[in-house]
Amino acid sequence: MRPNLPSKQREAQIETLAKWHSKPKAMREYSTVTELAEAHGWETDKQFVEMAESPEVHHRHMLKIAGAGLEHVSEILEALYKKAITGHVKAAETYLEWHRKLITDAKVIERVAPAVNPNEVLNTAIEGAHKLMQVAAAVPSEEEAKKAVEADFYES
């Protein structure tokens, strides 16, 4: 079995697999994930096949399908609105429920909020640690540090 892929390569494979899954079968350039992998020069071992059918890939492919359908949302909402104002109760319920979910759904709000990049957080922490180490290295001894702090304190 091959070692785990670097995150950028794995991310590229997941993205490619999600795009492949999101296309109708008749529109796919490759008919199987094995053909897709071979076209990209990827190993088709057990790990790849598991990733190709993983919840992560399927979740992303579902988001792509939903995203592609967004271009029709305004027309659908307009049709629901027109029916709702003429007294069609189900259309009014559906129209208002869609708006309620959009406004209050915590998952939508989380998606809109910027994601935290763990690499950036880690890099910032490492930079801070390096700066602290430089400060610590500049202080010759604990006793001299106390003297410097006391001198600064009493001079204020």
C-alpha atoms as a PDB file:
ATOM      1  CA  MET A   1       0.000   0.000   0.000  1.00  0.00           C
ATOM      2  CA  ARG A   2       1.284   3.491  -0.836  1.00  0.00           C
ATOM      3  CA  PRO A   3       1.903   6.055   1.900  1.00  0.00           C
ATOM      4  CA  ASN A   4      -0.678   8.765   2.502  1.00  0.00           C
ATOM      5  CA  LEU A   5      -0.683  11.404  -0.207  1.00  0.00           C
ATOM      6  CA  PRO A   6       0.471  14.940   0.480  1.00  0.00           C
ATOM      7  CA  SER A   7      -2.554  17.095   1.233  1.00  0.00           C
ATOM      8  CA  LYS A   8      -2.396  19.103  -2.037  1.00  0.00           C
ATOM      9  CA  GLN A   9      -2.318  15.949  -4.161  1.00  0.00           C
ATOM     10  CA  ARG A  10      -5.098  14.349  -2.132  1.00  0.00           C
ATOM     11  CA  GLU A  11      -7.138  17.537  -2.395  1.00  0.00           C
ATOM     12  CA  ALA A  12      -6.656  17.570  -6.179  1.00  0.00           C
ATOM     13  CA  GLN A  13      -7.808  13.951  -6.413  1.00  0.00           C
ATOM     14  CA  ILE A  14     -10.868  14.597  -4.237  1.00  0.00           C
ATOM     15  CA  GLU A  15     -11.797  17.633  -6.315  1.00  0.00           C
ATOM     16  CA  THR A  16     -11.376  15.725  -9.600  1.00  0.00           C
ATOM     17  CA  LEU A  17     -13.378  12.773  -8.279  1.00  0.00           C
ATOM     18  CA  ALA A  18     -16.154  15.067  -7.039  1.00  0.00           C
ATOM     19  CA  LYS A  19     -16.390  16.758 -10.439  1.00  0.00           C
ATOM     20  CA  TRP A  20     -16.449  13.353 -12.145  1.00  0.00           C
ATOM     21  CA  HIS A  21     -19.219  12.073  -9.833  1.00  0.00           C
ATOM     22  CA  SER A  22     -21.280  15.257 -10.310  1.00  0.00           C
ATOM     23  CA  LYS A  23     -21.536  14.821 -14.088  1.00  0.00           C
ATOM     24  CA  PRO A  24     -24.307  12.660 -15.552  1.00  0.00           C
ATOM     25  CA  LYS A  25     -22.901   9.310 -16.712  1.00  0.00           C
ATOM     26  CA  ALA A  26     -23.562  10.126 -20.358  1.00  0.00           C
ATOM     27  CA  MET A  27     -21.421  13.295 -20.080  1.00  0.00           C
ATOM     28  CA  ARG A  28     -18.406  11.745 -18.325  1.00  0.00           C
ATOM     29  CA  GLU A  29     -15.167  11.609 -20.292  1.00  0.00           C
ATOM     30  CA  TYR A  30     -14.204   8.419 -18.436  1.00  0.00           C
ATOM     31  CA  SER A  31     -16.744   5.734 -17.643  1.00  0.00           C
ATOM     32  CA  THR A  32     -15.076   4.446 -14.450  1.00  0.00           C
ATOM     33  CA  VAL A  33     -12.984   5.875 -11.636  1.00  0.00           C
ATOM     34  CA  THR A  34     -10.238   3.478 -12.718  1.00  0.00           C
ATOM     35  CA  GLU A  35     -10.145   5.073 -16.185  1.00  0.00           C
ATOM     36  CA  LEU A  36     -10.173   8.518 -14.582  1.00  0.00           C
ATOM     37  CA  ALA A  37      -7.253   7.576 -12.329  1.00  0.00           C
ATOM     38  CA  GLU A  38      -5.245   6.074 -15.176  1.00  0.00           C
ATOM     39  CA  ALA A  39      -5.792   9.230 -17.261  1.00  0.00           C
ATOM     40  CA  HIS A  40      -4.291  11.276 -14.407  1.00  0.00           C
ATOM     41  CA  GLY A  41      -1.477   8.825 -13.693  1.00  0.00           C
ATOM     42  CA  TRP A  42      -2.847   7.882 -10.273  1.00  0.00           C
ATOM     43  CA  GLU A  43      -2.466   4.478  -8.645  1.00  0.00           C
ATOM     44  CA  THR A  44      -5.738   2.582  -8.524  1.00  0.00           C
ATOM     45  CA  ASP A  45      -5.042   0.711  -5.330  1.00  0.00           C
ATOM     46  CA  LYS A  46      -7.504  -0.032  -2.536  1.00  0.00           C
ATOM     47  CA  GLN A  47      -6.806   3.329  -0.872  1.00  0.00           C
ATOM     48  CA  PHE A  48      -7.728   5.219  -4.052  1.00  0.00           C
ATOM     49  CA  VAL A  49     -10.924   3.218  -4.595  1.00  0.00           C
ATOM     50  CA  GLU A  50     -11.950   3.857  -0.983  1.00  0.00           C
ATOM     51  CA  MET A  51     -11.275   7.578  -1.385  1.00  0.00           C
ATOM     52  CA  ALA A  52     -13.236   7.649  -4.665  1.00  0.00           C
ATOM     53  CA  GLU A  53     -16.309   6.349  -2.830  1.00  0.00           C
ATOM     54  CA  SER A  54     -15.680   8.187   0.446  1.00  0.00           C
ATOM     55  CA  PRO A  55     -18.239  10.412   2.172  1.00  0.00           C
ATOM     56  CA  GLU A  56     -15.856  13.342   1.646  1.00  0.00           C
ATOM     57  CA  VAL A  57     -15.908  12.913  -2.142  1.00  0.00           C
ATOM     58  CA  HIS A  58     -19.668  12.329  -2.219  1.00  0.00           C
ATOM     59  CA  HIS A  59     -20.351  15.331   0.002  1.00  0.00           C
ATOM     60  CA  ARG A  60     -18.302  17.558  -2.265  1.00  0.00           C
ATOM     61  CA  HIS A  61     -19.964  16.157  -5.381  1.00  0.00           C
ATOM     62  CA  MET A  62     -23.397  16.828  -3.869  1.00  0.00           C
ATOM     63  CA  LEU A  63     -22.330  20.430  -3.194  1.00  0.00           C
ATOM     64  CA  LYS A  64     -21.302  20.736  -6.838  1.00  0.00           C
ATOM     65  CA  ILE A  65     -24.695  19.452  -8.001  1.00  0.00           C
ATOM     66  CA  ALA A  66     -26.473  21.827  -5.631  1.00  0.00           C
ATOM     67  CA  GLY A  67     -24.251  24.692  -6.761  1.00  0.00           C
ATOM     68  CA  ALA A  68     -25.018  24.016 -10.400  1.00  0.00           C
ATOM     69  CA  GLY A  69     -28.735  24.217  -9.602  1.00  0.00           C
ATOM     70  CA  LEU A  70     -28.432  27.661  -8.035  1.00  0.00           C
ATOM     71  CA  GLU A  71     -28.900  29.354 -11.389  1.00  0.00           C
ATOM     72  CA  HIS A  72     -32.534  28.169 -11.323  1.00  0.00           C
ATOM     73  CA  VAL A  73     -33.358  29.225  -7.763  1.00  0.00           C
ATOM     74  CA  SER A  74     -34.502  32.732  -8.642  1.00  0.00           C
ATOM     75  CA  GLU A  75     -37.003  31.474 -11.238  1.00  0.00           C
ATOM     76  CA  ILE A  76     -38.328  28.822  -8.852  1.00  0.00           C
ATOM     77  CA  LEU A  77     -38.705  31.332  -6.038  1.00  0.00           C
ATOM     78  CA  GLU A  78     -40.428  33.766  -8.391  1.00  0.00           C
ATOM     79  CA  ALA A  79     -42.907  31.062  -9.462  1.00  0.00           C
ATOM     80  CA  LEU A  80     -43.563  30.144  -5.815  1.00  0.00           C
ATOM     81  CA  TYR A  81     -44.035  33.814  -4.944  1.00  0.00           C
ATOM     82  CA  LYS A  82     -46.551  34.354  -7.757  1.00  0.00           C
ATOM     83  CA  LYS A  83     -48.572  31.311  -6.677  1.00  0.00           C
ATOM     84  CA  ALA A  84     -48.311  32.301  -3.000  1.00  0.00           C
ATOM     85  CA  ILE A  85     -49.747  35.789  -3.498  1.00  0.00           C
ATOM     86  CA  THR A  86     -52.720  34.314  -5.360  1.00  0.00           C
ATOM     87  CA  GLY A  87     -53.561  32.246  -2.276  1.00  0.00           C
ATOM     88  CA  HIS A  88     -51.780  28.954  -2.944  1.00  0.00           C
ATOM     89  CA  VAL A  89     -51.025  27.897   0.637  1.00  0.00           C
ATOM     90  CA  LYS A  90     -48.441  25.202  -0.144  1.00  0.00           C
ATOM     91  CA  ALA A  91     -46.504  27.589  -2.394  1.00  0.00           C
ATOM     92  CA  ALA A  92     -46.542  30.236   0.362  1.00  0.00           C
ATOM     93  CA  GLU A  93     -45.354  27.709   2.963  1.00  0.00           C
ATOM     94  CA  THR A  94     -42.540  26.477   0.712  1.00  0.00           C
ATOM     95  CA  TYR A  95     -41.486  30.025  -0.222  1.00  0.00           C
ATOM     96  CA  LEU A  96     -41.444  31.262   3.369  1.00  0.00           C
ATOM     97  CA  GLU A  97     -39.766  28.084   4.682  1.00  0.00           C
ATOM     98  CA  TRP A  98     -36.947  28.472   2.154  1.00  0.00           C
ATOM     99  CA  HIS A  99     -36.343  32.031   3.335  1.00  0.00           C
ATOM    100  CA  ARG A 100     -36.496  31.021   7.004  1.00  0.00           C
ATOM    101  CA  LYS A 101     -33.947  28.262   6.491  1.00  0.00           C
ATOM    102  CA  LEU A 102     -31.661  30.497   4.494  1.00  0.00           C
ATOM    103  CA  ILE A 103     -31.678  33.188   7.157  1.00  0.00           C
ATOM    104  CA  THR A 104     -31.502  31.014  10.268  1.00  0.00           C
ATOM    105  CA  ASP A 105     -29.739  27.817   9.279  1.00  0.00           C
ATOM    106  CA  ALA A 106     -26.507  27.703  11.277  1.00  0.00           C
ATOM    107  CA  LYS A 107     -24.848  25.519   8.662  1.00  0.00           C
ATOM    108  CA  VAL A 108     -25.390  28.157   5.987  1.00  0.00           C
ATOM    109  CA  ILE A 109     -24.011  30.804   8.327  1.00  0.00           C
ATOM    110  CA  GLU A 110     -20.969  28.598   9.032  1.00  0.00           C
ATOM    111  CA  ARG A 111     -20.361  28.187   5.287  1.00  0.00           C
ATOM    112  CA  VAL A 112     -20.450  31.963   4.806  1.00  0.00           C
ATOM    113  CA  ALA A 113     -18.016  32.581   7.670  1.00  0.00           C
ATOM    114  CA  PRO A 114     -14.366  32.375   6.687  1.00  0.00           C
ATOM    115  CA  ALA A 115     -12.819  29.018   7.518  1.00  0.00           C
ATOM    116  CA  VAL A 116      -9.856  28.817   9.847  1.00  0.00           C
ATOM    117  CA  ASN A 117      -6.764  27.574   8.083  1.00  0.00           C
ATOM    118  CA  PRO A 118      -4.925  25.271  10.517  1.00  0.00           C
ATOM    119  CA  ASN A 119      -1.640  25.808   8.677  1.00  0.00           C
ATOM    120  CA  GLU A 120      -1.893  29.584   9.150  1.00  0.00           C
ATOM    121  CA  VAL A 121      -2.683  29.178  12.850  1.00  0.00           C
ATOM    122  CA  LEU A 122       0.244  26.794  13.296  1.00  0.00           C
ATOM    123  CA  ASN A 123       2.620  29.052  11.361  1.00  0.00           C
ATOM    124  CA  THR A 124       1.573  32.054  13.456  1.00  0.00           C
ATOM    125  CA  ALA A 125       2.151  30.076  16.651  1.00  0.00           C
ATOM    126  CA  ILE A 126       5.576  28.943  15.429  1.00  0.00           C
ATOM    127  CA  GLU A 127       6.534  32.517  14.506  1.00  0.00           C
ATOM    128  CA  GLY A 128       5.433  33.676  17.963  1.00  0.00           C
ATOM    129  CA  ALA A 129       7.466  30.924  19.609  1.00  0.00           C
ATOM    130  CA  HIS A 130      10.552  31.926  17.590  1.00  0.00           C
ATOM    131  CA  LYS A 131      10.155  35.545  18.701  1.00  0.00           C
ATOM    132  CA  LEU A 132       9.811  34.443  22.330  1.00  0.00           C
ATOM    133  CA  MET A 133      12.937  32.323  21.983  1.00  0.00           C
ATOM    134  CA  GLN A 134      14.825  35.344  20.607  1.00  0.00           C
ATOM    135  CA  VAL A 135      13.718  37.427  23.577  1.00  0.00           C
ATOM    136  CA  ALA A 136      14.671  34.637  25.980  1.00  0.00           C
ATOM    137  CA  ALA A 137      18.072  34.254  24.324  1.00  0.00           C
ATOM    138  CA  ALA A 138      18.710  37.995  24.673  1.00  0.00           C
ATOM    139  CA  VAL A 139      18.354  37.820  28.467  1.00  0.00           C
ATOM    140  CA  PRO A 140      21.682  36.626  29.909  1.00  0.00           C
ATOM    141  CA  SER A 141      20.342  35.324  33.245  1.00  0.00           C
ATOM    142  CA  GLU A 142      17.246  35.228  35.396  1.00  0.00           C
ATOM    143  CA  GLU A 143      18.821  37.554  37.931  1.00  0.00           C
ATOM    144  CA  GLU A 144      19.718  40.169  35.299  1.00  0.00           C
ATOM    145  CA  ALA A 145      16.186  39.940  33.887  1.00  0.00           C
ATOM    146  CA  LYS A 146      14.714  40.664  37.341  1.00  0.00           C
ATOM    147  CA  LYS A 147      17.044  43.661  37.738  1.00  0.00           C
ATOM    148  CA  ALA A 148      16.023  45.007  34.330  1.00  0.00           C
ATOM    149  CA  VAL A 149      12.309  44.614  35.108  1.00  0.00           C
ATOM    150  CA  GLU A 150      12.678  46.223  38.543  1.00  0.00           C
ATOM    151  CA  ALA A 151      14.735  49.084  37.138  1.00  0.00           C
ATOM    152  CA  ASP A 152      12.151  49.700  34.451  1.00  0.00           C
ATOM    153  CA  PHE A 153       9.325  49.472  37.021  1.00  0.00           C
ATOM    154  CA  TYR A 154      10.878  51.881  39.489  1.00  0.00           C
ATOM    155  CA  GLU A 155      11.872  54.386  36.796  1.00  0.00           C
ATOM    156  CA  SER A 156       8.249  54.756  35.681  1.00  0.00           C
END
